[in-house]
Protein backbone atom coordinates (compact mmCIF):
# COMPACT_ATOMS: atom_id res chain seq x y z
CA MET A 1 -36.21 -47.87 28.16
CA PRO A 2 -37.10 -44.86 27.67
CA GLU A 3 -38.64 -43.17 24.86
CA GLN A 4 -36.41 -41.57 22.18
CA GLY A 5 -35.83 -38.23 22.79
CA HIS A 6 -36.89 -38.71 26.83
CA ARG A 7 -34.46 -37.78 28.98
CA PRO A 8 -35.12 -39.68 32.43
CA SER A 9 -36.77 -37.81 35.23
CA LEU A 10 -35.21 -39.28 38.18
CA HIS A 11 -36.69 -37.30 41.32
CA LEU A 12 -34.31 -38.95 43.95
CA VAL A 13 -35.21 -39.01 47.52
CA ALA A 14 -33.07 -41.20 49.27
CA SER A 15 -31.95 -41.51 53.04
CA ALA A 16 -28.66 -41.76 53.64
CA THR A 17 -29.37 -44.26 56.38
CA ALA A 18 -32.36 -46.03 55.10
CA PRO A 19 -32.69 -48.50 52.75
CA PRO A 20 -33.90 -47.99 49.63
CA ASP A 21 -37.48 -48.74 49.29
CA CYS A 22 -38.11 -50.84 45.77
CA ALA A 23 -42.22 -50.30 46.57
CA SER A 24 -41.83 -46.09 46.00
CA CYS A 25 -38.95 -45.99 43.96
CA PRO A 26 -40.07 -44.07 40.50
CA GLN A 27 -38.39 -47.28 38.31
CA ARG A 28 -39.84 -49.87 39.93
CA HIS A 29 -42.28 -50.37 36.56
CA THR A 30 -39.95 -49.64 34.22
CA VAL A 31 -35.72 -50.34 35.23
CA LEU A 32 -36.78 -53.35 38.04
CA ALA A 33 -39.60 -54.62 35.97
CA ALA A 34 -36.82 -55.25 32.96
CA GLY A 35 -34.57 -56.82 35.61
CA ARG A 36 -32.03 -53.72 34.72
CA CYS A 37 -31.11 -53.15 38.82
CA VAL A 38 -31.33 -55.32 41.41
CA PRO A 39 -31.78 -54.44 44.97
CA GLY A 40 -28.99 -54.44 46.94
CA ASP A 41 -27.05 -54.94 44.30
CA ILE A 42 -27.41 -52.56 41.40
CA CYS A 43 -29.40 -49.39 42.34
CA LEU A 44 -29.37 -45.70 41.67
CA ILE A 45 -30.83 -44.44 45.10
CA ALA A 46 -29.02 -46.09 47.24
CA HIS A 47 -26.20 -44.55 49.24
CA SER A 48 -23.99 -46.96 47.70
CA GLY A 49 -21.04 -45.87 45.36
CA ARG A 50 -20.98 -49.55 44.23
CA GLN A 51 -24.34 -49.57 43.76
CA ILE A 52 -24.89 -46.58 42.41
CA ASP A 53 -21.93 -47.53 39.51
CA ARG A 54 -23.31 -50.79 38.33
CA PHE A 55 -26.45 -48.93 37.64
CA LEU A 56 -25.29 -46.81 35.55
CA SER A 57 -23.08 -48.52 33.57
CA ARG A 58 -25.74 -50.73 32.88
CA ASN A 59 -28.53 -47.94 32.36
CA PRO A 60 -26.33 -44.65 30.81
CA GLU A 61 -29.13 -42.86 30.07
CA TYR A 62 -29.86 -41.91 33.52
CA ALA A 63 -26.28 -40.89 34.09
CA GLU A 64 -27.51 -36.53 32.99
CA ALA A 65 -30.39 -36.84 35.58
CA CYS A 66 -27.93 -37.20 38.18
CA LEU A 67 -25.81 -33.98 37.78
CA LYS A 68 -27.65 -32.03 39.91
CA ASP A 69 -28.43 -35.07 41.84
CA PRO A 70 -27.58 -33.57 46.20
CA PHE A 71 -25.35 -36.56 46.60
CA TRP A 72 -22.13 -36.05 45.85
CA GLU A 73 -20.80 -39.24 44.97
CA ARG A 74 -24.36 -39.96 42.78
CA ARG A 75 -23.08 -36.78 41.04
CA ALA A 76 -19.13 -37.75 40.49
CA ILE A 77 -20.41 -41.13 39.60
CA ALA A 78 -22.72 -39.65 36.88
CA VAL A 79 -19.67 -37.84 35.65
CA ARG A 80 -18.36 -41.45 34.07
CA TYR A 81 -21.23 -41.34 31.85
CA VAL A 82 -22.75 -38.85 30.85
CA ALA A 83 -21.74 -37.58 26.63
CA LEU A 84 -18.84 -35.93 26.83
CA GLU A 85 -20.46 -31.99 25.84
CA ARG A 86 -21.98 -32.60 29.34
CA VAL A 87 -18.90 -33.45 31.50
CA ALA A 88 -18.02 -29.29 31.38
CA GLU A 89 -20.65 -28.26 33.43
CA LEU A 90 -19.53 -29.93 37.13
CA ALA A 91 -15.87 -28.27 36.38
CA HIS A 92 -16.92 -26.12 39.49
CA ASP A 93 -18.45 -27.99 41.49
CA THR A 94 -18.91 -27.52 45.08
CA ASP A 95 -17.45 -30.99 45.85
CA GLU A 96 -13.95 -32.41 44.92
CA VAL A 97 -14.67 -35.83 44.16
CA VAL A 98 -16.64 -34.31 41.66
CA ARG A 99 -14.23 -32.26 39.92
CA ARG A 100 -11.56 -35.14 39.93
CA ALA A 101 -14.15 -37.20 38.35
CA VAL A 102 -14.56 -34.19 35.39
CA ALA A 103 -10.81 -33.75 35.66
CA ILE A 104 -10.34 -37.22 34.55
CA ARG A 105 -13.24 -37.53 32.03
CA LEU A 106 -12.27 -33.73 30.43
CA PRO A 107 -10.68 -33.40 27.10
CA PRO A 108 -6.52 -32.49 27.82
CA GLN A 109 -7.44 -28.92 25.94
CA GLN A 110 -10.18 -28.02 28.26
CA LEU A 111 -8.27 -29.21 31.21
CA SER A 112 -6.93 -25.67 31.77
CA MET A 113 -9.84 -24.09 33.24
CA LEU A 114 -9.10 -26.40 36.68
CA CYS A 115 -5.57 -25.63 36.46
CA GLN A 116 -6.55 -23.57 39.62
CA ASP A 117 -8.44 -25.88 41.61
CA PRO A 118 -8.10 -25.82 45.24
CA ASP A 119 -7.79 -29.51 45.72
CA ARG A 120 -4.43 -30.65 44.70
CA GLU A 121 -5.37 -33.95 43.90
CA VAL A 122 -7.20 -32.48 40.55
CA ARG A 123 -3.97 -30.49 39.96
CA ILE A 124 -2.40 -33.42 39.99
CA THR A 125 -4.75 -35.05 37.34
CA VAL A 126 -4.86 -32.10 35.18
CA ALA A 127 -1.00 -31.27 35.70
CA ALA A 128 -1.01 -35.79 34.38
CA ARG A 129 -3.44 -34.75 31.15
CA LEU A 130 -3.09 -30.80 29.78
CA PRO A 131 -1.34 -31.10 26.76
CA VAL A 132 2.79 -30.40 27.44
CA GLU A 133 1.99 -26.70 25.30
CA GLN A 134 0.35 -25.68 28.47
CA LEU A 135 2.27 -27.15 31.64
CA GLU A 136 4.20 -23.98 32.37
CA ARG A 137 1.25 -22.34 33.73
CA MET A 138 1.69 -24.59 36.65
CA LEU A 139 5.16 -23.99 37.21
CA ASP A 140 5.04 -22.22 40.32
CA ASP A 141 1.79 -24.20 41.53
CA GLU A 142 2.39 -24.06 45.57
CA ASP A 143 1.74 -27.70 46.03
CA TYR A 144 5.33 -29.88 44.97
CA LEU A 145 3.15 -32.87 44.54
CA VAL A 146 1.26 -30.76 41.50
CA ARG A 147 5.22 -29.33 40.23
CA GLN A 148 6.60 -33.35 40.33
CA HIS A 149 4.13 -34.38 37.70
CA VAL A 150 4.75 -30.99 35.53
CA ALA A 151 8.25 -31.99 36.01
CA GLU A 152 8.00 -35.63 35.02
CA ARG A 153 6.18 -34.12 31.32
CA LEU A 154 7.50 -30.70 30.43
CA PRO A 155 9.35 -30.67 28.05
CA HIS A 156 13.64 -30.90 28.31
CA GLY A 157 14.17 -27.39 26.84
CA ARG A 158 11.25 -25.96 29.99
CA LEU A 159 13.03 -28.29 32.46
CA PRO A 160 16.18 -26.06 33.88
CA ARG A 161 12.94 -23.63 35.48
CA LEU A 162 12.54 -25.99 38.10
CA ALA A 163 16.20 -27.79 38.56
CA HIS A 164 16.79 -24.81 41.84
CA ASP A 165 12.81 -25.99 43.03
CA PRO A 166 12.53 -25.62 46.40
CA ASP A 167 11.60 -29.26 47.20
CA ARG A 168 13.52 -32.10 46.75
CA GLU A 169 11.25 -34.77 45.33
CA VAL A 170 10.43 -32.65 42.27
CA ARG A 171 14.62 -31.98 41.53
CA LYS A 172 15.11 -35.65 41.44
CA ALA A 173 11.96 -35.61 39.31
CA VAL A 174 14.63 -33.15 37.02
CA ALA A 175 17.42 -35.33 37.00
CA ARG A 176 16.34 -38.26 36.15
CA ARG A 177 14.85 -36.31 32.64
CA LEU A 178 17.37 -33.84 31.69
CA PRO A 179 20.02 -34.99 29.06
CA PRO A 180 23.10 -36.15 31.02
CA PHE A 181 24.97 -32.75 28.87
CA ALA A 182 23.15 -30.61 31.11
CA LEU A 183 22.87 -32.32 34.15
CA HIS A 184 26.34 -30.57 35.52
CA ARG A 185 23.49 -27.52 37.14
CA MET A 186 22.46 -29.76 39.46
CA ALA A 187 25.95 -31.72 40.12
CA ALA A 188 26.10 -29.64 43.88
CA ASP A 189 22.18 -30.31 45.03
CA ALA A 190 22.18 -29.99 48.83
CA GLU A 191 20.41 -33.19 48.54
CA ALA A 192 22.74 -36.27 48.55
CA GLU A 193 19.41 -38.14 46.75
CA VAL A 194 19.51 -35.55 44.30
CA ARG A 195 22.99 -36.17 43.27
CA ARG A 196 23.20 -39.74 43.04
CA ILE A 197 20.93 -39.51 39.82
CA VAL A 198 22.95 -37.05 38.67
CA ALA A 199 25.86 -39.03 39.32
CA ALA A 200 23.80 -41.83 37.69
CA ARG A 201 23.21 -40.24 34.42
CA ALA A 202 25.83 -37.35 33.83
CA LEU A 203 28.37 -37.70 31.29
CA PRO A 204 31.66 -39.24 32.41
CA GLU A 205 33.53 -36.26 32.76
CA ASP A 206 30.59 -34.45 34.92
CA ALA A 207 30.48 -37.84 36.50
CA ALA A 208 34.34 -37.53 38.06
CA ALA A 209 33.60 -33.97 40.15
CA LEU A 210 31.24 -35.88 42.53
CA LEU A 211 34.32 -37.97 43.19
CA ALA A 212 34.98 -36.67 46.46
CA ASP A 213 31.26 -36.48 47.39
CA PRO A 214 30.88 -36.15 50.68
CA ASP A 215 28.07 -39.04 50.68
CA TRP A 216 29.52 -42.39 49.42
CA LEU A 217 26.32 -43.61 47.63
CA VAL A 218 26.78 -40.57 45.10
CA ARG A 219 30.81 -41.63 44.45
CA LEU A 220 30.01 -45.11 44.09
CA GLU A 221 27.57 -43.68 41.27
CA ALA A 222 29.77 -41.60 40.32
CA ALA A 223 32.80 -44.47 40.43
CA ARG A 224 30.63 -46.23 37.75
CA ARG A 225 30.93 -43.96 35.61
CA ALA A 226 34.04 -41.69 35.79
CA PRO A 227 36.89 -41.88 33.24
CA ILE A 228 39.18 -44.55 34.72
CA GLU A 229 41.76 -42.19 34.88
CA ALA A 230 40.24 -40.15 37.46
CA ILE A 231 38.55 -42.88 39.48
CA ALA A 232 42.28 -43.99 40.18
CA GLU A 233 41.89 -41.14 43.01
CA ARG A 234 39.41 -42.75 44.64
CA ILE A 235 41.04 -46.44 45.52
CA ASP A 236 41.64 -45.82 48.95
CA ASP A 237 38.01 -44.73 49.50
CA PRO A 238 37.27 -45.02 53.10
CA GLU A 239 33.98 -46.56 52.19
CA PRO A 240 34.69 -50.68 51.65
CA ASP A 241 31.99 -50.42 48.64
CA VAL A 242 33.55 -47.29 46.73
CA GLN A 243 37.32 -49.12 47.24
CA ALA A 244 36.07 -51.86 45.65
CA LEU A 245 34.02 -50.93 42.54
CA VAL A 246 37.70 -48.46 41.94
CA ARG A 247 39.75 -51.15 42.24
CA ALA A 248 37.57 -54.20 40.43
CA ARG A 249 37.49 -51.37 37.56
CA LEU A 250 41.27 -50.39 37.53
CA GLU A 251 41.56 -54.07 37.58
CA ASP A 252 39.46 -54.57 34.83
CA PHE A 253 41.23 -52.25 32.66
CA LEU A 254 45.35 -52.96 33.38
CA TYR A 255 43.82 -56.38 32.18
CA GLN A 256 41.97 -55.50 29.00
CA ASP A 257 45.24 -53.47 27.86
CA GLU A 258 47.41 -56.15 28.71
CA SER A 259 45.45 -58.15 26.48
CA HIS A 260 45.50 -56.12 23.50
CA GLU A 261 49.40 -55.68 23.89
């Protein structure tokens, strides 16, 4: 172990193709001698993410010395093990994998520095972890997956801003989360997949408005929720599954009505 207060200096020089040379490793008399690394399995100078991760998980005191290492994977793995106050130093690293590791570890309150990161995966991670009160700054992100993650976490009162998003998957996320009383605003969505979600969750009177939808799966979902008096008009629906559901509901209603006489 390094002396207290001493930060290990690695002076890593390892070829991406040549196997690590334990004979020239600066840690051969310390870490290797103490059995805290294993050639070919637990090694910091190997160009192997698996070996590097195993090394730093056992010897996290060496992670800080890797933050400026030329090998991107060594930097990315080091981010997992350094003290939290050092993580932000790599928020603008040249490699997106390193920045993704930063986005995973940074405290949510510090993630705003990565909201405009050029890498979509970094921004997706930010959208999944950013405090909800700060999510609106990502409403207009150019990538639909980022906006979808925003829609999955945005407070209900802010969701209508994404109800007419140009991407179907974003609107589907909105339709899954809007309160039933607010779903009527999406009943005329251009995509049947969105309307199906609306029909399955809307208030009964709003579901009734979808009983004549051109998509039979939308009509099927609407027929499950619409008031009994509204579904009678679909008793001869051209789609057998819709027709069968309507007839079953009507028959059940009549049976219950007769049983109470």
